[in-house]
Amino acid sequence: LEGVLHVEQSGSKLSAGAGEGILVDAH
């Protein structure tokens, strides 16, 4: 909603800013 969220998985690093989302396979 605000700020930046970082996600690392499967050799990728994504950053989601306000209004963006990330779908993660937590398996």
PDB file of all heavy atoms in Angstrom:
ATOM      1  N   LEU A   1       0.826  -1.211   0.000  1.00  0.00           N
ATOM      2  CA  LEU A   1       0.000   0.000   0.000  1.00  0.00           C
ATOM      3  C   LEU A   1       0.856   1.255   0.000  1.00  0.00           C
ATOM      4  O   LEU A   1       0.502   2.268  -0.592  1.00  0.00           O
ATOM      5  CB  LEU A   1      -0.918   0.020   1.231  1.00  0.00           C
ATOM      6  CG  LEU A   1      -1.880  -1.147   1.368  1.00  0.00           C
ATOM      7  CD1 LEU A   1      -2.642  -1.045   2.677  1.00  0.00           C
ATOM      8  CD2 LEU A   1      -2.829  -1.216   0.186  1.00  0.00           C
ATOM      9  N   GLU A   2       1.997   1.172   0.694  1.00  0.00           N
ATOM     10  CA  GLU A   2       2.908   2.311   0.805  1.00  0.00           C
ATOM     11  C   GLU A   2       4.311   1.762   1.049  1.00  0.00           C
ATOM     12  O   GLU A   2       4.483   0.759   1.739  1.00  0.00           O
ATOM     13  CB  GLU A   2       2.498   3.196   1.983  1.00  0.00           C
ATOM     14  CG  GLU A   2       3.348   4.429   2.159  1.00  0.00           C
ATOM     15  CD  GLU A   2       2.892   5.285   3.328  1.00  0.00           C
ATOM     16  OE1 GLU A   2       1.713   5.207   3.730  1.00  0.00           O
ATOM     17  OE2 GLU A   2       3.734   6.042   3.850  1.00  0.00           O
ATOM     18  N   GLY A   3       5.315   2.415   0.503  1.00  0.00           N
ATOM     19  CA  GLY A   3       6.691   1.971   0.682  1.00  0.00           C
ATOM     20  C   GLY A   3       7.083   0.935  -0.353  1.00  0.00           C
ATOM     21  O   GLY A   3       6.507   0.868  -1.431  1.00  0.00           O
ATOM     22  N   VAL A   4       8.075   0.106   0.012  1.00  0.00           N
ATOM     23  CA  VAL A   4       8.592  -0.907  -0.902  1.00  0.00           C
ATOM     24  C   VAL A   4       8.716  -2.232  -0.165  1.00  0.00           C
ATOM     25  O   VAL A   4       9.245  -2.291   0.945  1.00  0.00           O
ATOM     26  CB  VAL A   4       9.969  -0.499  -1.477  1.00  0.00           C
ATOM     27  CG1 VAL A   4      10.515  -1.584  -2.391  1.00  0.00           C
ATOM     28  CG2 VAL A   4       9.866   0.824  -2.235  1.00  0.00           C
ATOM     29  N   LEU A   5       8.230  -3.279  -0.796  1.00  0.00           N
ATOM     30  CA  LEU A   5       8.363  -4.641  -0.297  1.00  0.00           C
ATOM     31  C   LEU A   5       9.299  -5.381  -1.236  1.00  0.00           C
ATOM     32  O   LEU A   5       9.134  -5.310  -2.457  1.00  0.00           O
ATOM     33  CB  LEU A   5       7.008  -5.346  -0.265  1.00  0.00           C
ATOM     34  CG  LEU A   5       7.052  -6.831   0.083  1.00  0.00           C
ATOM     35  CD1 LEU A   5       7.341  -7.016   1.571  1.00  0.00           C
ATOM     36  CD2 LEU A   5       5.745  -7.510  -0.293  1.00  0.00           C
ATOM     37  N   HIS A   6      10.281  -6.089  -0.679  1.00  0.00           N
ATOM     38  CA  HIS A   6      11.210  -6.881  -1.471  1.00  0.00           C
ATOM     39  C   HIS A   6      10.900  -8.364  -1.264  1.00  0.00           C
ATOM     40  O   HIS A   6      10.634  -8.791  -0.138  1.00  0.00           O
ATOM     41  CB  HIS A   6      12.660  -6.603  -1.052  1.00  0.00           C
ATOM     42  CG  HIS A   6      13.051  -5.175  -1.225  1.00  0.00           C
ATOM     43  ND1 HIS A   6      13.291  -4.611  -2.452  1.00  0.00           N
ATOM     44  CD2 HIS A   6      13.230  -4.194  -0.313  1.00  0.00           C
ATOM     45  CE1 HIS A   6      13.602  -3.338  -2.285  1.00  0.00           C
ATOM     46  NE2 HIS A   6      13.572  -3.061  -0.993  1.00  0.00           N
ATOM     47  N   VAL A   7      10.957  -9.128  -2.348  1.00  0.00           N
ATOM     48  CA  VAL A   7      10.717 -10.567  -2.297  1.00  0.00           C
ATOM     49  C   VAL A   7      11.837 -11.264  -3.049  1.00  0.00           C
ATOM     50  O   VAL A   7      12.151 -10.895  -4.195  1.00  0.00           O
ATOM     51  CB  VAL A   7       9.355 -10.956  -2.918  1.00  0.00           C
ATOM     52  CG1 VAL A   7       9.207 -12.461  -2.984  1.00  0.00           C
ATOM     53  CG2 VAL A   7       8.204 -10.336  -2.140  1.00  0.00           C
ATOM     54  N   GLU A   8      12.427 -12.260  -2.407  1.00  0.00           N
ATOM     55  CA  GLU A   8      13.438 -13.096  -3.046  1.00  0.00           C
ATOM     56  C   GLU A   8      12.916 -14.525  -3.072  1.00  0.00           C
ATOM     57  O   GLU A   8      12.443 -15.047  -2.058  1.00  0.00           O
ATOM     58  CB  GLU A   8      14.743 -13.043  -2.258  1.00  0.00           C
ATOM     59  CG  GLU A   8      15.355 -11.653  -2.205  1.00  0.00           C
ATOM     60  CD  GLU A   8      16.586 -11.593  -1.319  1.00  0.00           C
ATOM     61  OE1 GLU A   8      17.328 -12.595  -1.248  1.00  0.00           O
ATOM     62  OE2 GLU A   8      16.782 -10.544  -0.685  1.00  0.00           O
ATOM     63  N   GLN A   9      12.988 -15.138  -4.253  1.00  0.00           N
ATOM     64  CA  GLN A   9      12.566 -16.523  -4.432  1.00  0.00           C
ATOM     65  C   GLN A   9      13.042 -17.019  -5.789  1.00  0.00           C
ATOM     66  O   GLN A   9      13.039 -16.268  -6.760  1.00  0.00           O
ATOM     67  CB  GLN A   9      11.037 -16.659  -4.337  1.00  0.00           C
ATOM     68  CG  GLN A   9      10.577 -18.100  -4.403  1.00  0.00           C
ATOM     69  CD  GLN A   9       9.071 -18.251  -4.267  1.00  0.00           C
ATOM     70  OE1 GLN A   9       8.306 -17.471  -4.806  1.00  0.00           O
ATOM     71  NE2 GLN A   9       8.660 -19.275  -3.545  1.00  0.00           N
ATOM     72  N   SER A  10      13.416 -18.279  -5.828  1.00  0.00           N
ATOM     73  CA  SER A  10      13.795 -18.942  -7.084  1.00  0.00           C
ATOM     74  C   SER A  10      14.846 -18.164  -7.870  1.00  0.00           C
ATOM     75  O   SER A  10      14.776 -18.088  -9.097  1.00  0.00           O
ATOM     76  CB  SER A  10      12.559 -19.177  -7.957  1.00  0.00           C
ATOM     77  OG  SER A  10      11.586 -19.903  -7.255  1.00  0.00           O
ATOM     78  N   GLY A  11      15.791 -17.554  -7.183  1.00  0.00           N
ATOM     79  CA  GLY A  11      16.843 -16.807  -7.856  1.00  0.00           C
ATOM     80  C   GLY A  11      16.422 -15.442  -8.348  1.00  0.00           C
ATOM     81  O   GLY A  11      17.199 -14.742  -8.993  1.00  0.00           O
ATOM     82  N   SER A  12      15.181 -15.048  -8.054  1.00  0.00           N
ATOM     83  CA  SER A  12      14.686 -13.737  -8.464  1.00  0.00           C
ATOM     84  C   SER A  12      14.555 -12.831  -7.257  1.00  0.00           C
ATOM     85  O   SER A  12      14.281 -13.284  -6.156  1.00  0.00           O
ATOM     86  CB  SER A  12      13.292 -13.858  -9.091  1.00  0.00           C
ATOM     87  OG  SER A  12      13.324 -14.588 -10.277  1.00  0.00           O
ATOM     88  N   LYS A  13      14.738 -11.537  -7.504  1.00  0.00           N
ATOM     89  CA  LYS A  13      14.469 -10.540  -6.475  1.00  0.00           C
ATOM     90  C   LYS A  13      13.555  -9.495  -7.100  1.00  0.00           C
ATOM     91  O   LYS A  13      13.913  -8.853  -8.080  1.00  0.00           O
ATOM     92  CB  LYS A  13      15.750  -9.885  -5.966  1.00  0.00           C
ATOM     93  CG  LYS A  13      15.480  -8.879  -4.861  1.00  0.00           C
ATOM     94  CD  LYS A  13      16.763  -8.283  -4.300  1.00  0.00           C
ATOM     95  CE  LYS A  13      16.413  -7.259  -3.225  1.00  0.00           C
ATOM     96  NZ  LYS A  13      17.597  -6.620  -2.666  1.00  0.00           N
ATOM     97  N   LEU A  14      12.357  -9.381  -6.533  1.00  0.00           N
ATOM     98  CA  LEU A  14      11.380  -8.417  -7.024  1.00  0.00           C
ATOM     99  C   LEU A  14      11.112  -7.383  -5.955  1.00  0.00           C
ATOM    100  O   LEU A  14      11.190  -7.667  -4.757  1.00  0.00           O
ATOM    101  CB  LEU A  14      10.059  -9.116  -7.366  1.00  0.00           C
ATOM    102  CG  LEU A  14      10.089 -10.189  -8.449  1.00  0.00           C
ATOM    103  CD1 LEU A  14       8.709 -10.816  -8.596  1.00  0.00           C
ATOM    104  CD2 LEU A  14      10.540  -9.605  -9.776  1.00  0.00           C
ATOM    105  N   SER A  15      10.765  -6.185  -6.388  1.00  0.00           N
ATOM    106  CA  SER A  15      10.383  -5.120  -5.465  1.00  0.00           C
ATOM    107  C   SER A  15       9.019  -4.602  -5.887  1.00  0.00           C
ATOM    108  O   SER A  15       8.780  -4.341  -7.063  1.00  0.00           O
ATOM    109  CB  SER A  15      11.401  -3.983  -5.510  1.00  0.00           C
ATOM    110  OG  SER A  15      12.666  -4.455  -5.084  1.00  0.00           O
ATOM    111  N   ALA A  16       8.130  -4.470  -4.905  1.00  0.00           N
ATOM    112  CA  ALA A  16       6.774  -3.986  -5.170  1.00  0.00           C
ATOM    113  C   ALA A  16       6.567  -2.666  -4.444  1.00  0.00           C
ATOM    114  O   ALA A  16       6.672  -2.604  -3.221  1.00  0.00           O
ATOM    115  CB  ALA A  16       5.743  -5.008  -4.705  1.00  0.00           C
ATOM    116  N   GLY A  17       6.279  -1.632  -5.220  1.00  0.00           N
ATOM    117  CA  GLY A  17       5.960  -0.329  -4.647  1.00  0.00           C
ATOM    118  C   GLY A  17       4.474  -0.211  -4.404  1.00  0.00           C
ATOM    119  O   GLY A  17       3.716  -1.170  -4.590  1.00  0.00           O
ATOM    120  N   ALA A  18       4.036   0.964  -4.014  1.00  0.00           N
ATOM    121  CA  ALA A  18       2.629   1.214  -3.712  1.00  0.00           C
ATOM    122  C   ALA A  18       1.737   0.795  -4.886  1.00  0.00           C
ATOM    123  O   ALA A  18       2.010   1.143  -6.031  1.00  0.00           O
ATOM    124  CB  ALA A  18       2.419   2.676  -3.379  1.00  0.00           C
ATOM    125  N   GLY A  19       0.706   0.019  -4.585  1.00  0.00           N
ATOM    126  CA  GLY A  19      -0.233  -0.442  -5.602  1.00  0.00           C
ATOM    127  C   GLY A  19       0.199  -1.689  -6.331  1.00  0.00           C
ATOM    128  O   GLY A  19      -0.528  -2.189  -7.184  1.00  0.00           O
ATOM    129  N   GLU A  20       1.369  -2.203  -6.025  1.00  0.00           N
ATOM    130  CA  GLU A  20       1.866  -3.424  -6.668  1.00  0.00           C
ATOM    131  C   GLU A  20       1.834  -4.584  -5.679  1.00  0.00           C
ATOM    132  O   GLU A  20       1.922  -4.391  -4.475  1.00  0.00           O
ATOM    133  CB  GLU A  20       3.299  -3.234  -7.161  1.00  0.00           C
ATOM    134  CG  GLU A  20       3.411  -2.200  -8.250  1.00  0.00           C
ATOM    135  CD  GLU A  20       4.843  -2.001  -8.710  1.00  0.00           C
ATOM    136  OE1 GLU A  20       5.750  -1.944  -7.852  1.00  0.00           O
ATOM    137  OE2 GLU A  20       5.040  -1.884  -9.936  1.00  0.00           O
ATOM    138  N   GLY A  21       1.717  -5.768  -6.239  1.00  0.00           N
ATOM    139  CA  GLY A  21       1.695  -6.963  -5.406  1.00  0.00           C
ATOM    140  C   GLY A  21       2.597  -8.033  -5.959  1.00  0.00           C
ATOM    141  O   GLY A  21       3.068  -7.946  -7.105  1.00  0.00           O
ATOM    142  N   ILE A  22       2.814  -9.044  -5.131  1.00  0.00           N
ATOM    143  CA  ILE A  22       3.633 -10.176  -5.539  1.00  0.00           C
ATOM    144  C   ILE A  22       2.937 -11.450  -5.066  1.00  0.00           C
ATOM    145  O   ILE A  22       2.497 -11.536  -3.921  1.00  0.00           O
ATOM    146  CB  ILE A  22       5.060 -10.084  -4.960  1.00  0.00           C
ATOM    147  CG1 ILE A  22       5.756  -8.820  -5.481  1.00  0.00           C
ATOM    148  CG2 ILE A  22       5.871 -11.334  -5.322  1.00  0.00           C
ATOM    149  CD1 ILE A  22       7.154  -8.573  -4.937  1.00  0.00           C
ATOM    150  N   LEU A  23       2.847 -12.413  -5.966  1.00  0.00           N
ATOM    151  CA  LEU A  23       2.323 -13.741  -5.651  1.00  0.00           C
ATOM    152  C   LEU A  23       3.510 -14.667  -5.466  1.00  0.00           C
ATOM    153  O   LEU A  23       4.372 -14.759  -6.337  1.00  0.00           O
ATOM    154  CB  LEU A  23       1.427 -14.248  -6.793  1.00  0.00           C
ATOM    155  CG  LEU A  23       0.916 -15.683  -6.697  1.00  0.00           C
ATOM    156  CD1 LEU A  23       0.075 -15.905  -5.442  1.00  0.00           C
ATOM    157  CD2 LEU A  23       0.109 -16.023  -7.954  1.00  0.00           C
ATOM    158  N   VAL A  24       3.556 -15.327  -4.303  1.00  0.00           N
ATOM    159  CA  VAL A  24       4.673 -16.184  -3.918  1.00  0.00           C
ATOM    160  C   VAL A  24       4.198 -17.624  -3.773  1.00  0.00           C
ATOM    161  O   VAL A  24       3.138 -17.873  -3.196  1.00  0.00           O
ATOM    162  CB  VAL A  24       5.268 -15.700  -2.568  1.00  0.00           C
ATOM    163  CG1 VAL A  24       6.347 -16.631  -2.068  1.00  0.00           C
ATOM    164  CG2 VAL A  24       5.792 -14.281  -2.691  1.00  0.00           C
ATOM    165  N   ASP A  25       4.964 -18.569  -4.281  1.00  0.00           N
ATOM    166  CA  ASP A  25       4.733 -19.993  -4.021  1.00  0.00           C
ATOM    167  C   ASP A  25       5.549 -20.344  -2.784  1.00  0.00           C
ATOM    168  O   ASP A  25       6.758 -20.551  -2.858  1.00  0.00           O
ATOM    169  CB  ASP A  25       5.179 -20.845  -5.204  1.00  0.00           C
ATOM    170  CG  ASP A  25       4.987 -22.332  -4.968  1.00  0.00           C
ATOM    171  OD1 ASP A  25       4.585 -22.735  -3.843  1.00  0.00           O
ATOM    172  OD2 ASP A  25       5.241 -23.107  -5.904  1.00  0.00           O
ATOM    173  N   ALA A  26       4.886 -20.387  -1.645  1.00  0.00           N
ATOM    174  CA  ALA A  26       5.601 -20.584  -0.374  1.00  0.00           C
ATOM    175  C   ALA A  26       6.050 -22.026  -0.156  1.00  0.00           C
ATOM    176  O   ALA A  26       6.692 -22.319   0.848  1.00  0.00           O
ATOM    177  CB  ALA A  26       4.724 -20.121   0.788  1.00  0.00           C
ATOM    178  N   HIS A  27       5.757 -22.916  -1.100  1.00  0.00           N
ATOM    179  CA  HIS A  27       6.238 -24.299  -1.007  1.00  0.00           C
ATOM    180  C   HIS A  27       7.752 -24.364  -1.218  1.00  0.00           C
ATOM    181  O   HIS A  27       8.376 -25.363  -0.921  1.00  0.00           O
ATOM    182  CB  HIS A  27       5.526 -25.188  -2.030  1.00  0.00           C
ATOM    183  CG  HIS A  27       4.053 -25.259  -1.795  1.00  0.00           C
ATOM    184  ND1 HIS A  27       3.175 -24.395  -2.413  1.00  0.00           N
ATOM    185  CD2 HIS A  27       3.318 -26.068  -1.004  1.00  0.00           C
ATOM    186  CE1 HIS A  27       1.946 -24.688  -2.016  1.00  0.00           C
ATOM    187  NE2 HIS A  27       2.004 -25.692  -1.159  1.00  0.00           N
TER     188      HIS A  27
END
